[in-house]
Amino acid sequence: MQIARDKPRGFTRLFKAFGASWKGLQGAFREEAAFRQELGFAAIAVPLGLWLGHSGIERALLVAPVFLVLIVELLNSAIEATVDRIGLERHVLAGLAKDIGSAAVLMSFVLLTCVWALVLLGR
């Protein structure tokens, strides 16, 4: 059975989606120390990548993984918040979900390091 809902459309939907995204960024900044640290890192790495890149492609290759780290951290934080909302008692699957999210953040940093090394050392 499908429940009828009045969903916003057009520009209204876009404005509401932007508002929800902005609230998510504010919440991550307020509640997640790792996100704040990675945002500080991005504030240094993005301008550095733009400066070190010799072409548009190199600049994109140096900057994109920095944003990927932030994206993966946001997803990891969402997983952690959901697991914590379900219950604070220790459970093997809750721990595994959090560990996998953390591993995803680590892998995004590994990707960033590899891309930067390949671009900068491959000249």
PDB file of N, CA and C in Angstrom:
ATOM      1  N   MET A   1       0.843  -1.173   0.000  1.00  0.00           N
ATOM      2  CA  MET A   1       0.000   0.000   0.000  1.00  0.00           C
ATOM      3  C   MET A   1       0.892   1.241   0.000  1.00  0.00           C
ATOM      4  N   GLN A   2       0.616   2.126  -0.891  1.00  0.00           N
ATOM      5  CA  GLN A   2       1.419   3.336  -1.019  1.00  0.00           C
ATOM      6  C   GLN A   2       0.695   4.498  -0.334  1.00  0.00           C
ATOM      7  N   ILE A   3       1.446   5.219   0.491  1.00  0.00           N
ATOM      8  CA  ILE A   3       0.877   6.352   1.212  1.00  0.00           C
ATOM      9  C   ILE A   3       1.080   7.602   0.373  1.00  0.00           C
ATOM     10  N   ALA A   4       0.006   8.342   0.158  1.00  0.00           N
ATOM     11  CA  ALA A   4       0.088   9.571  -0.623  1.00  0.00           C
ATOM     12  C   ALA A   4       0.678  10.674   0.254  1.00  0.00           C
ATOM     13  N   ARG A   5       1.721  11.312  -0.258  1.00  0.00           N
ATOM     14  CA  ARG A   5       2.364  12.418   0.448  1.00  0.00           C
ATOM     15  C   ARG A   5       2.511  13.567  -0.525  1.00  0.00           C
ATOM     16  N   ASP A   6       2.366  14.733   0.007  1.00  0.00           N
ATOM     17  CA  ASP A   6       2.605  15.910  -0.811  1.00  0.00           C
ATOM     18  C   ASP A   6       4.095  16.205  -0.779  1.00  0.00           C
ATOM     19  N   LYS A   7       4.770  15.789  -1.813  1.00  0.00           N
ATOM     20  CA  LYS A   7       6.208  16.029  -1.905  1.00  0.00           C
ATOM     21  C   LYS A   7       6.438  17.317  -2.671  1.00  0.00           C
ATOM     22  N   PRO A   8       7.365  18.145  -2.165  1.00  0.00           N
ATOM     23  CA  PRO A   8       7.662  19.367  -2.910  1.00  0.00           C
ATOM     24  C   PRO A   8       8.296  19.048  -4.251  1.00  0.00           C
ATOM     25  N   ARG A   9       8.058  19.935  -5.202  1.00  0.00           N
ATOM     26  CA  ARG A   9       8.601  19.748  -6.542  1.00  0.00           C
ATOM     27  C   ARG A   9       9.299  21.024  -6.990  1.00  0.00           C
ATOM     28  N   GLY A  10      10.077  20.893  -8.050  1.00  0.00           N
ATOM     29  CA  GLY A  10      10.708  22.050  -8.667  1.00  0.00           C
ATOM     30  C   GLY A  10      11.676  22.754  -7.739  1.00  0.00           C
ATOM     31  N   PHE A  11      11.620  24.089  -7.781  1.00  0.00           N
ATOM     32  CA  PHE A  11      12.547  24.891  -6.985  1.00  0.00           C
ATOM     33  C   PHE A  11      12.328  24.709  -5.489  1.00  0.00           C
ATOM     34  N   THR A  12      11.094  24.464  -5.090  1.00  0.00           N
ATOM     35  CA  THR A  12      10.812  24.229  -3.668  1.00  0.00           C
ATOM     36  C   THR A  12      11.584  23.017  -3.176  1.00  0.00           C
ATOM     37  N   ARG A  13      11.569  21.950  -3.959  1.00  0.00           N
ATOM     38  CA  ARG A  13      12.312  20.746  -3.595  1.00  0.00           C
ATOM     39  C   ARG A  13      13.802  21.037  -3.511  1.00  0.00           C
ATOM     40  N   LEU A  14      14.313  21.805  -4.484  1.00  0.00           N
ATOM     41  CA  LEU A  14      15.738  22.141  -4.480  1.00  0.00           C
ATOM     42  C   LEU A  14      16.117  22.954  -3.247  1.00  0.00           C
ATOM     43  N   PHE A  15      15.289  23.935  -2.898  1.00  0.00           N
ATOM     44  CA  PHE A  15      15.581  24.757  -1.716  1.00  0.00           C
ATOM     45  C   PHE A  15      15.537  23.923  -0.444  1.00  0.00           C
ATOM     46  N   LYS A  16      14.564  23.027  -0.336  1.00  0.00           N
ATOM     47  CA  LYS A  16      14.476  22.165   0.847  1.00  0.00           C
ATOM     48  C   LYS A  16      15.652  21.206   0.915  1.00  0.00           C
ATOM     49  N   ALA A  17      16.048  20.670  -0.236  1.00  0.00           N
ATOM     50  CA  ALA A  17      17.196  19.760  -0.270  1.00  0.00           C
ATOM     51  C   ALA A  17      18.477  20.496   0.124  1.00  0.00           C
ATOM     52  N   PHE A  18      18.627  21.724  -0.380  1.00  0.00           N
ATOM     53  CA  PHE A  18      19.799  22.508  -0.006  1.00  0.00           C
ATOM     54  C   PHE A  18      19.797  22.797   1.488  1.00  0.00           C
ATOM     55  N   GLY A  19      18.630  23.112   2.033  1.00  0.00           N
ATOM     56  CA  GLY A  19      18.518  23.372   3.471  1.00  0.00           C
ATOM     57  C   GLY A  19      18.897  22.155   4.295  1.00  0.00           C
ATOM     58  N   ALA A  20      18.429  20.983   3.869  1.00  0.00           N
ATOM     59  CA  ALA A  20      18.778  19.750   4.584  1.00  0.00           C
ATOM     60  C   ALA A  20      20.279  19.476   4.488  1.00  0.00           C
ATOM     61  N   SER A  21      20.856  19.727   3.316  1.00  0.00           N
ATOM     62  CA  SER A  21      22.299  19.530   3.139  1.00  0.00           C
ATOM     63  C   SER A  21      23.084  20.480   4.028  1.00  0.00           C
ATOM     64  N   TRP A  22      22.639  21.721   4.091  1.00  0.00           N
ATOM     65  CA  TRP A  22      23.326  22.715   4.921  1.00  0.00           C
ATOM     66  C   TRP A  22      23.254  22.320   6.402  1.00  0.00           C
ATOM     67  N   LYS A  23      22.076  21.837   6.843  1.00  0.00           N
ATOM     68  CA  LYS A  23      21.939  21.366   8.221  1.00  0.00           C
ATOM     69  C   LYS A  23      22.870  20.193   8.487  1.00  0.00           C
ATOM     70  N   GLY A  24      23.022  19.310   7.497  1.00  0.00           N
ATOM     71  CA  GLY A  24      23.922  18.178   7.651  1.00  0.00           C
ATOM     72  C   GLY A  24      25.369  18.610   7.792  1.00  0.00           C
ATOM     73  N   LEU A  25      25.785  19.579   6.970  1.00  0.00           N
ATOM     74  CA  LEU A  25      27.154  20.102   7.081  1.00  0.00           C
ATOM     75  C   LEU A  25      27.377  20.783   8.422  1.00  0.00           C
ATOM     76  N   GLN A  26      26.399  21.568   8.867  1.00  0.00           N
ATOM     77  CA  GLN A  26      26.522  22.229  10.165  1.00  0.00           C
ATOM     78  C   GLN A  26      26.603  21.204  11.297  1.00  0.00           C
ATOM     79  N   GLY A  27      25.767  20.177  11.224  1.00  0.00           N
ATOM     80  CA  GLY A  27      25.780  19.140  12.257  1.00  0.00           C
ATOM     81  C   GLY A  27      27.093  18.387  12.286  1.00  0.00           C
ATOM     82  N   ALA A  28      27.618  18.060  11.114  1.00  0.00           N
ATOM     83  CA  ALA A  28      28.905  17.361  11.058  1.00  0.00           C
ATOM     84  C   ALA A  28      30.010  18.240  11.624  1.00  0.00           C
ATOM     85  N   PHE A  29      29.986  19.523  11.292  1.00  0.00           N
ATOM     86  CA  PHE A  29      31.014  20.437  11.808  1.00  0.00           C
ATOM     87  C   PHE A  29      30.900  20.569  13.324  1.00  0.00           C
ATOM     88  N   ARG A  30      29.689  20.671  13.823  1.00  0.00           N
ATOM     89  CA  ARG A  30      29.459  20.862  15.258  1.00  0.00           C
ATOM     90  C   ARG A  30      29.771  19.606  16.065  1.00  0.00           C
ATOM     91  N   GLU A  31      29.406  18.436  15.540  1.00  0.00           N
ATOM     92  CA  GLU A  31      29.452  17.205  16.330  1.00  0.00           C
ATOM     93  C   GLU A  31      30.651  16.295  16.056  1.00  0.00           C
ATOM     94  N   GLU A  32      31.304  16.447  14.919  1.00  0.00           N
ATOM     95  CA  GLU A  32      32.330  15.488  14.511  1.00  0.00           C
ATOM     96  C   GLU A  32      33.715  16.136  14.439  1.00  0.00           C
ATOM     97  N   ALA A  33      34.560  15.801  15.411  1.00  0.00           N
ATOM     98  CA  ALA A  33      35.925  16.345  15.436  1.00  0.00           C
ATOM     99  C   ALA A  33      36.703  15.912  14.193  1.00  0.00           C
ATOM    100  N   ALA A  34      36.501  14.686  13.742  1.00  0.00           N
ATOM    101  CA  ALA A  34      37.224  14.194  12.560  1.00  0.00           C
ATOM    102  C   ALA A  34      36.865  15.029  11.330  1.00  0.00           C
ATOM    103  N   PHE A  35      35.596  15.389  11.190  1.00  0.00           N
ATOM    104  CA  PHE A  35      35.194  16.208  10.049  1.00  0.00           C
ATOM    105  C   PHE A  35      35.845  17.578  10.121  1.00  0.00           C
ATOM    106  N   ARG A  36      35.894  18.165  11.307  1.00  0.00           N
ATOM    107  CA  ARG A  36      36.550  19.472  11.456  1.00  0.00           C
ATOM    108  C   ARG A  36      38.035  19.379  11.108  1.00  0.00           C
ATOM    109  N   GLN A  37      38.691  18.309  11.538  1.00  0.00           N
ATOM    110  CA  GLN A  37      40.111  18.129  11.228  1.00  0.00           C
ATOM    111  C   GLN A  37      40.316  17.965   9.728  1.00  0.00           C
ATOM    112  N   GLU A  38      39.477  17.163   9.102  1.00  0.00           N
ATOM    113  CA  GLU A  38      39.607  16.932   7.661  1.00  0.00           C
ATOM    114  C   GLU A  38      39.242  18.184   6.864  1.00  0.00           C
ATOM    115  N   LEU A  39      38.331  18.990   7.374  1.00  0.00           N
ATOM    116  CA  LEU A  39      38.010  20.257   6.728  1.00  0.00           C
ATOM    117  C   LEU A  39      39.201  21.210   6.818  1.00  0.00           C
ATOM    118  N   GLY A  40      39.892  21.207   7.955  1.00  0.00           N
ATOM    119  CA  GLY A  40      41.116  22.001   8.094  1.00  0.00           C
ATOM    120  C   GLY A  40      42.189  21.533   7.131  1.00  0.00           C
ATOM    121  N   PHE A  41      42.319  20.222   7.002  1.00  0.00           N
ATOM    122  CA  PHE A  41      43.255  19.652   6.031  1.00  0.00           C
ATOM    123  C   PHE A  41      42.889  20.089   4.616  1.00  0.00           C
ATOM    124  N   ALA A  42      41.592  20.052   4.298  1.00  0.00           N
ATOM    125  CA  ALA A  42      41.128  20.446   2.959  1.00  0.00           C
ATOM    126  C   ALA A  42      41.401  21.920   2.692  1.00  0.00           C
ATOM    127  N   ALA A  43      41.295  22.749   3.731  1.00  0.00           N
ATOM    128  CA  ALA A  43      41.551  24.182   3.564  1.00  0.00           C
ATOM    129  C   ALA A  43      43.002  24.440   3.150  1.00  0.00           C
ATOM    130  N   ILE A  44      43.887  23.519   3.483  1.00  0.00           N
ATOM    131  CA  ILE A  44      45.294  23.625   3.070  1.00  0.00           C
ATOM    132  C   ILE A  44      45.531  22.881   1.755  1.00  0.00           C
ATOM    133  N   ALA A  45      44.990  21.668   1.651  1.00  0.00           N
ATOM    134  CA  ALA A  45      45.280  20.798   0.510  1.00  0.00           C
ATOM    135  C   ALA A  45      44.652  21.287  -0.794  1.00  0.00           C
ATOM    136  N   VAL A  46      43.465  21.851  -0.744  1.00  0.00           N
ATOM    137  CA  VAL A  46      42.813  22.300  -1.986  1.00  0.00           C
ATOM    138  C   VAL A  46      43.593  23.445  -2.633  1.00  0.00           C
ATOM    139  N   PRO A  47      43.903  24.525  -1.901  1.00  0.00           N
ATOM    140  CA  PRO A  47      44.711  25.571  -2.542  1.00  0.00           C
ATOM    141  C   PRO A  47      46.082  25.065  -2.981  1.00  0.00           C
ATOM    142  N   LEU A  48      46.680  24.177  -2.189  1.00  0.00           N
ATOM    143  CA  LEU A  48      47.979  23.619  -2.557  1.00  0.00           C
ATOM    144  C   LEU A  48      47.873  22.800  -3.842  1.00  0.00           C
ATOM    145  N   GLY A  49      46.836  21.987  -3.956  1.00  0.00           N
ATOM    146  CA  GLY A  49      46.624  21.206  -5.166  1.00  0.00           C
ATOM    147  C   GLY A  49      46.391  22.079  -6.387  1.00  0.00           C
ATOM    148  N   LEU A  50      45.647  23.168  -6.204  1.00  0.00           N
ATOM    149  CA  LEU A  50      45.417  24.095  -7.314  1.00  0.00           C
ATOM    150  C   LEU A  50      46.716  24.777  -7.735  1.00  0.00           C
ATOM    151  N   TRP A  51      47.575  25.051  -6.773  1.00  0.00           N
ATOM    152  CA  TRP A  51      48.850  25.719  -7.061  1.00  0.00           C
ATOM    153  C   TRP A  51      49.860  24.756  -7.679  1.00  0.00           C
ATOM    154  N   LEU A  52      49.905  23.511  -7.181  1.00  0.00           N
ATOM    155  CA  LEU A  52      50.896  22.543  -7.655  1.00  0.00           C
ATOM    156  C   LEU A  52      50.542  21.935  -9.012  1.00  0.00           C
ATOM    157  N   GLY A  53      49.267  21.877  -9.329  1.00  0.00           N
ATOM    158  CA  GLY A  53      48.861  21.287 -10.606  1.00  0.00           C
ATOM    159  C   GLY A  53      49.285  22.153 -11.778  1.00  0.00           C
ATOM    160  N   HIS A  54      49.866  21.520 -12.797  1.00  0.00           N
ATOM    161  CA  HIS A  54      50.333  22.256 -13.977  1.00  0.00           C
ATOM    162  C   HIS A  54      49.245  22.429 -15.030  1.00  0.00           C
ATOM    163  N   SER A  55      48.243  21.592 -14.983  1.00  0.00           N
ATOM    164  CA  SER A  55      47.163  21.664 -15.963  1.00  0.00           C
ATOM    165  C   SER A  55      45.838  21.502 -15.220  1.00  0.00           C
ATOM    166  N   GLY A  56      44.768  21.713 -15.958  1.00  0.00           N
ATOM    167  CA  GLY A  56      43.458  21.527 -15.356  1.00  0.00           C
ATOM    168  C   GLY A  56      43.239  20.104 -14.874  1.00  0.00           C
ATOM    169  N   ILE A  57      43.742  19.148 -15.646  1.00  0.00           N
ATOM    170  CA  ILE A  57      43.585  17.741 -15.261  1.00  0.00           C
ATOM    171  C   ILE A  57      44.361  17.441 -13.988  1.00  0.00           C
ATOM    172  N   GLU A  58      45.598  17.933 -13.904  1.00  0.00           N
ATOM    173  CA  GLU A  58      46.386  17.715 -12.684  1.00  0.00           C
ATOM    174  C   GLU A  58      45.714  18.369 -11.484  1.00  0.00           C
ATOM    175  N   ARG A  59      45.206  19.573 -11.661  1.00  0.00           N
ATOM    176  CA  ARG A  59      44.524  20.255 -10.556  1.00  0.00           C
ATOM    177  C   ARG A  59      43.313  19.446 -10.095  1.00  0.00           C
ATOM    178  N   ALA A  60      42.552  18.952 -11.056  1.00  0.00           N
ATOM    179  CA  ALA A  60      41.374  18.142 -10.712  1.00  0.00           C
ATOM    180  C   ALA A  60      41.792  16.868  -9.987  1.00  0.00           C
ATOM    181  N   LEU A  61      42.864  16.237 -10.458  1.00  0.00           N
ATOM    182  CA  LEU A  61      43.331  15.005  -9.813  1.00  0.00           C
ATOM    183  C   LEU A  61      43.830  15.253  -8.396  1.00  0.00           C
ATOM    184  N   LEU A  62      44.394  16.414  -8.145  1.00  0.00           N
ATOM    185  CA  LEU A  62      44.901  16.718  -6.808  1.00  0.00           C
ATOM    186  C   LEU A  62      43.785  17.171  -5.858  1.00  0.00           C
ATOM    187  N   VAL A  63      42.783  17.836  -6.379  1.00  0.00           N
ATOM    188  CA  VAL A  63      41.728  18.384  -5.523  1.00  0.00           C
ATOM    189  C   VAL A  63      40.604  17.372  -5.272  1.00  0.00           C
ATOM    190  N   ALA A  64      40.229  16.601  -6.270  1.00  0.00           N
ATOM    191  CA  ALA A  64      39.074  15.700  -6.143  1.00  0.00           C
ATOM    192  C   ALA A  64      39.189  14.715  -4.972  1.00  0.00           C
ATOM    193  N   PRO A  65      40.342  14.070  -4.763  1.00  0.00           N
ATOM    194  CA  PRO A  65      40.412  13.137  -3.630  1.00  0.00           C
ATOM    195  C   PRO A  65      40.266  13.812  -2.266  1.00  0.00           C
ATOM    196  N   VAL A  66      40.601  15.085  -2.187  1.00  0.00           N
ATOM    197  CA  VAL A  66      40.416  15.820  -0.929  1.00  0.00           C
ATOM    198  C   VAL A  66      38.923  15.918  -0.630  1.00  0.00           C
ATOM    199  N   PHE A  67      38.135  16.249  -1.649  1.00  0.00           N
ATOM    200  CA  PHE A  67      36.686  16.311  -1.456  1.00  0.00           C
ATOM    201  C   PHE A  67      36.108  14.919  -1.200  1.00  0.00           C
ATOM    202  N   LEU A  68      36.703  13.904  -1.810  1.00  0.00           N
ATOM    203  CA  LEU A  68      36.244  12.537  -1.560  1.00  0.00           C
ATOM    204  C   LEU A  68      36.437  12.154  -0.093  1.00  0.00           C
ATOM    205  N   VAL A  69      37.537  12.556   0.503  1.00  0.00           N
ATOM    206  CA  VAL A  69      37.762  12.298   1.934  1.00  0.00           C
ATOM    207  C   VAL A  69      36.631  12.913   2.754  1.00  0.00           C
ATOM    208  N   LEU A  70      36.267  14.157   2.441  1.00  0.00           N
ATOM    209  CA  LEU A  70      35.182  14.816   3.177  1.00  0.00           C
ATOM    210  C   LEU A  70      33.851  14.098   2.980  1.00  0.00           C
ATOM    211  N   ILE A  71      33.588  13.677   1.747  1.00  0.00           N
ATOM    212  CA  ILE A  71      32.340  12.963   1.455  1.00  0.00           C
ATOM    213  C   ILE A  71      32.275  11.654   2.224  1.00  0.00           C
ATOM    214  N   VAL A  72      33.359  10.896   2.209  1.00  0.00           N
ATOM    215  CA  VAL A  72      33.373   9.610   2.905  1.00  0.00           C
ATOM    216  C   VAL A  72      33.252   9.820   4.413  1.00  0.00           C
ATOM    217  N   GLU A  73      33.877  10.865   4.933  1.00  0.00           N
ATOM    218  CA  GLU A  73      33.739  11.166   6.366  1.00  0.00           C
ATOM    219  C   GLU A  73      32.300  11.510   6.718  1.00  0.00           C
ATOM    220  N   LEU A  74      31.614  12.259   5.858  1.00  0.00           N
ATOM    221  CA  LEU A  74      30.203  12.552   6.104  1.00  0.00           C
ATOM    222  C   LEU A  74      29.370  11.270   6.138  1.00  0.00           C
ATOM    223  N   LEU A  75      29.622  10.368   5.203  1.00  0.00           N
ATOM    224  CA  LEU A  75      28.895   9.094   5.192  1.00  0.00           C
ATOM    225  C   LEU A  75      29.228   8.256   6.427  1.00  0.00           C
ATOM    226  N   ASN A  76      30.496   8.240   6.818  1.00  0.00           N
ATOM    227  CA  ASN A  76      30.906   7.519   8.021  1.00  0.00           C
ATOM    228  C   ASN A  76      30.211   8.094   9.253  1.00  0.00           C
ATOM    229  N   SER A  77      30.144   9.414   9.330  1.00  0.00           N
ATOM    230  CA  SER A  77      29.475  10.049  10.466  1.00  0.00           C
ATOM    231  C   SER A  77      27.992   9.708  10.485  1.00  0.00           C
ATOM    232  N   ALA A  78      27.369   9.634   9.310  1.00  0.00           N
ATOM    233  CA  ALA A  78      25.957   9.258   9.236  1.00  0.00           C
ATOM    234  C   ALA A  78      25.753   7.820   9.718  1.00  0.00           C
ATOM    235  N   ILE A  79      26.657   6.926   9.339  1.00  0.00           N
ATOM    236  CA  ILE A  79      26.571   5.532   9.802  1.00  0.00           C
ATOM    237  C   ILE A  79      26.701   5.491  11.316  1.00  0.00           C
ATOM    238  N   GLU A  80      27.692   6.204  11.860  1.00  0.00           N
ATOM    239  CA  GLU A  80      27.899   6.205  13.306  1.00  0.00           C
ATOM    240  C   GLU A  80      26.693   6.775  14.045  1.00  0.00           C
ATOM    241  N   ALA A  81      26.114   7.858  13.525  1.00  0.00           N
ATOM    242  CA  ALA A  81      24.945   8.450  14.176  1.00  0.00           C
ATOM    243  C   ALA A  81      23.764   7.485  14.158  1.00  0.00           C
ATOM    244  N   THR A  82      23.590   6.786  13.051  1.00  0.00           N
ATOM    245  CA  THR A  82      22.485   5.825  12.940  1.00  0.00           C
ATOM    246  C   THR A  82      22.679   4.667  13.905  1.00  0.00           C
ATOM    247  N   VAL A  83      23.899   4.138  13.959  1.00  0.00           N
ATOM    248  CA  VAL A  83      24.178   3.022  14.876  1.00  0.00           C
ATOM    249  C   VAL A  83      23.959   3.475  16.320  1.00  0.00           C
ATOM    250  N   ASP A  84      24.424   4.673  16.665  1.00  0.00           N
ATOM    251  CA  ASP A  84      24.250   5.175  18.026  1.00  0.00           C
ATOM    252  C   ASP A  84      22.782   5.434  18.348  1.00  0.00           C
ATOM    253  N   ARG A  85      22.008   5.841  17.354  1.00  0.00           N
ATOM    254  CA  ARG A  85      20.574   6.078  17.562  1.00  0.00           C
ATOM    255  C   ARG A  85      19.839   4.779  17.863  1.00  0.00           C
ATOM    256  N   ILE A  86      20.270   3.715  17.211  1.00  0.00           N
ATOM    257  CA  ILE A  86      19.611   2.426  17.409  1.00  0.00           C
ATOM    258  C   ILE A  86      19.846   1.917  18.824  1.00  0.00           C
ATOM    259  N   GLY A  87      21.037   2.137  19.337  1.00  0.00           N
ATOM    260  CA  GLY A  87      21.330   1.701  20.701  1.00  0.00           C
ATOM    261  C   GLY A  87      22.794   1.902  21.036  1.00  0.00           C
ATOM    262  N   LEU A  88      23.059   2.241  22.290  1.00  0.00           N
ATOM    263  CA  LEU A  88      24.435   2.485  22.710  1.00  0.00           C
ATOM    264  C   LEU A  88      25.119   1.245  23.296  1.00  0.00           C
ATOM    265  N   GLU A  89      24.350   0.162  23.471  1.00  0.00           N
ATOM    266  CA  GLU A  89      24.970  -1.056  23.993  1.00  0.00           C
ATOM    267  C   GLU A  89      25.906  -1.644  22.930  1.00  0.00           C
ATOM    268  N   ARG A  90      26.929  -2.302  23.398  1.00  0.00           N
ATOM    269  CA  ARG A  90      27.913  -2.875  22.480  1.00  0.00           C
ATOM    270  C   ARG A  90      27.320  -4.094  21.761  1.00  0.00           C
ATOM    271  N   HIS A  91      27.476  -4.093  20.458  1.00  0.00           N
ATOM    272  CA  HIS A  91      27.029  -5.223  19.657  1.00  0.00           C
ATOM    273  C   HIS A  91      28.050  -5.421  18.555  1.00  0.00           C
ATOM    274  N   VAL A  92      28.336  -6.659  18.234  1.00  0.00           N
ATOM    275  CA  VAL A  92      29.382  -6.958  17.257  1.00  0.00           C
ATOM    276  C   VAL A  92      29.074  -6.334  15.894  1.00  0.00           C
ATOM    277  N   LEU A  93      27.828  -6.338  15.462  1.00  0.00           N
ATOM    278  CA  LEU A  93      27.477  -5.765  14.163  1.00  0.00           C
ATOM    279  C   LEU A  93      27.549  -4.236  14.172  1.00  0.00           C
ATOM    280  N   ALA A  94      27.187  -3.624  15.302  1.00  0.00           N
ATOM    281  CA  ALA A  94      27.309  -2.167  15.407  1.00  0.00           C
ATOM    282  C   ALA A  94      28.782  -1.762  15.327  1.00  0.00           C
ATOM    283  N   GLY A  95      29.621  -2.513  16.039  1.00  0.00           N
ATOM    284  CA  GLY A  95      31.060  -2.238  15.982  1.00  0.00           C
ATOM    285  C   GLY A  95      31.619  -2.453  14.590  1.00  0.00           C
ATOM    286  N   LEU A  96      31.155  -3.507  13.921  1.00  0.00           N
ATOM    287  CA  LEU A  96      31.616  -3.789  12.565  1.00  0.00           C
ATOM    288  C   LEU A  96      31.206  -2.678  11.601  1.00  0.00           C
ATOM    289  N   ALA A  97      29.970  -2.201  11.720  1.00  0.00           N
ATOM    290  CA  ALA A  97      29.506  -1.108  10.852  1.00  0.00           C
ATOM    291  C   ALA A  97      30.372   0.132  11.038  1.00  0.00           C
ATOM    292  N   LYS A  98      30.677   0.472  12.278  1.00  0.00           N
ATOM    293  CA  LYS A  98      31.515   1.640  12.550  1.00  0.00           C
ATOM    294  C   LYS A  98      32.939   1.427  12.034  1.00  0.00           C
ATOM    295  N   ASP A  99      33.469   0.216  12.227  1.00  0.00           N
ATOM    296  CA  ASP A  99      34.824  -0.081  11.754  1.00  0.00           C
ATOM    297  C   ASP A  99      34.914  -0.029  10.234  1.00  0.00           C
ATOM    298  N   ILE A 100      33.897  -0.522   9.549  1.00  0.00           N
ATOM    299  CA  ILE A 100      33.888  -0.488   8.085  1.00  0.00           C
ATOM    300  C   ILE A 100      33.809   0.959   7.601  1.00  0.00           C
ATOM    301  N   GLY A 101      33.003   1.782   8.246  1.00  0.00           N
ATOM    302  CA  GLY A 101      32.950   3.198   7.893  1.00  0.00           C
ATOM    303  C   GLY A 101      34.299   3.865   8.095  1.00  0.00           C
ATOM    304  N   SER A 102      34.962   3.545   9.177  1.00  0.00           N
ATOM    305  CA  SER A 102      36.291   4.090   9.440  1.00  0.00           C
ATOM    306  C   SER A 102      37.298   3.608   8.395  1.00  0.00           C
ATOM    307  N   ALA A 103      37.183   2.355   7.996  1.00  0.00           N
ATOM    308  CA  ALA A 103      38.072   1.819   6.957  1.00  0.00           C
ATOM    309  C   ALA A 103      37.853   2.545   5.631  1.00  0.00           C
ATOM    310  N   ALA A 104      36.615   2.922   5.346  1.00  0.00           N
ATOM    311  CA  ALA A 104      36.331   3.670   4.116  1.00  0.00           C
ATOM    312  C   ALA A 104      37.038   5.026   4.140  1.00  0.00           C
ATOM    313  N   VAL A 105      37.043   5.682   5.293  1.00  0.00           N
ATOM    314  CA  VAL A 105      37.759   6.951   5.418  1.00  0.00           C
ATOM    315  C   VAL A 105      39.253   6.727   5.194  1.00  0.00           C
ATOM    316  N   LEU A 106      39.789   5.686   5.810  1.00  0.00           N
ATOM    317  CA  LEU A 106      41.211   5.360   5.628  1.00  0.00           C
ATOM    318  C   LEU A 106      41.532   5.128   4.158  1.00  0.00           C
ATOM    319  N   MET A 107      40.685   4.375   3.467  1.00  0.00           N
ATOM    320  CA  MET A 107      40.928   4.088   2.052  1.00  0.00           C
ATOM    321  C   MET A 107      40.862   5.360   1.206  1.00  0.00           C
ATOM    322  N   SER A 108      40.007   6.300   1.579  1.00  0.00           N
ATOM    323  CA  SER A 108      39.960   7.560   0.826  1.00  0.00           C
ATOM    324  C   SER A 108      41.252   8.344   1.016  1.00  0.00           C
ATOM    325  N   PHE A 109      41.850   8.258   2.206  1.00  0.00           N
ATOM    326  CA  PHE A 109      43.154   8.890   2.431  1.00  0.00           C
ATOM    327  C   PHE A 109      44.257   8.178   1.660  1.00  0.00           C
ATOM    328  N   VAL A 110      44.184   6.847   1.576  1.00  0.00           N
ATOM    329  CA  VAL A 110      45.161   6.088   0.786  1.00  0.00           C
ATOM    330  C   VAL A 110      45.065   6.510  -0.684  1.00  0.00           C
ATOM    331  N   LEU A 111      43.845   6.620  -1.189  1.00  0.00           N
ATOM    332  CA  LEU A 111      43.646   7.075  -2.565  1.00  0.00           C
ATOM    333  C   LEU A 111      44.232   8.469  -2.762  1.00  0.00           C
ATOM    334  N   LEU A 112      43.959   9.372  -1.845  1.00  0.00           N
ATOM    335  CA  LEU A 112      44.485  10.729  -1.931  1.00  0.00           C
ATOM    336  C   LEU A 112      46.016  10.702  -1.996  1.00  0.00           C
ATOM    337  N   THR A 113      46.632   9.922  -1.132  1.00  0.00           N
ATOM    338  CA  THR A 113      48.096   9.833  -1.099  1.00  0.00           C
ATOM    339  C   THR A 113      48.646   9.272  -2.401  1.00  0.00           C
ATOM    340  N   CYS A 114      48.027   8.237  -2.916  1.00  0.00           N
ATOM    341  CA  CYS A 114      48.486   7.632  -4.173  1.00  0.00           C
ATOM    342  C   CYS A 114      48.361   8.608  -5.334  1.00  0.00           C
ATOM    343  N   VAL A 115      47.229   9.287  -5.426  1.00  0.00           N
ATOM    344  CA  VAL A 115      47.015  10.228  -6.533  1.00  0.00           C
ATOM    345  C   VAL A 115      48.032  11.360  -6.455  1.00  0.00           C
ATOM    346  N   TRP A 116      48.210  11.926  -5.280  1.00  0.00           N
ATOM    347  CA  TRP A 116      49.171  13.021  -5.134  1.00  0.00           C
ATOM    348  C   TRP A 116      50.590  12.543  -5.499  1.00  0.00           C
ATOM    349  N   ALA A 117      50.944  11.347  -5.024  1.00  0.00           N
ATOM    350  CA  ALA A 117      52.282  10.821  -5.343  1.00  0.00           C
ATOM    351  C   ALA A 117      52.445  10.591  -6.838  1.00  0.00           C
ATOM    352  N   LEU A 118      51.453  10.001  -7.464  1.00  0.00           N
ATOM    353  CA  LEU A 118      51.550   9.736  -8.896  1.00  0.00           C
ATOM    354  C   LEU A 118      51.618  11.010  -9.718  1.00  0.00           C
ATOM    355  N   VAL A 119      50.832  12.012  -9.345  1.00  0.00           N
ATOM    356  CA  VAL A 119      50.832  13.271 -10.094  1.00  0.00           C
ATOM    357  C   VAL A 119      52.131  14.029  -9.858  1.00  0.00           C
ATOM    358  N   LEU A 120      52.520  14.168  -8.606  1.00  0.00           N
ATOM    359  CA  LEU A 120      53.671  15.036  -8.291  1.00  0.00           C
ATOM    360  C   LEU A 120      55.015  14.376  -8.541  1.00  0.00           C
ATOM    361  N   LEU A 121      55.097  13.080  -8.341  1.00  0.00           N
ATOM    362  CA  LEU A 121      56.373  12.385  -8.556  1.00  0.00           C
ATOM    363  C   LEU A 121      56.532  11.898  -9.990  1.00  0.00           C
ATOM    364  N   GLY A 122      55.440  11.898 -10.747  1.00  0.00           N
ATOM    365  CA  GLY A 122      55.482  11.398 -12.108  1.00  0.00           C
ATOM    366  C   GLY A 122      55.893  12.447 -13.139  1.00  0.00           C
ATOM    367  N   ARG A 123      56.373  13.567 -12.678  1.00  0.00           N
ATOM    368  CA  ARG A 123      56.755  14.633 -13.617  1.00  0.00           C
ATOM    369  C   ARG A 123      58.159  14.421 -14.116  1.00  0.00           C
TER     370      ARG A 123
END
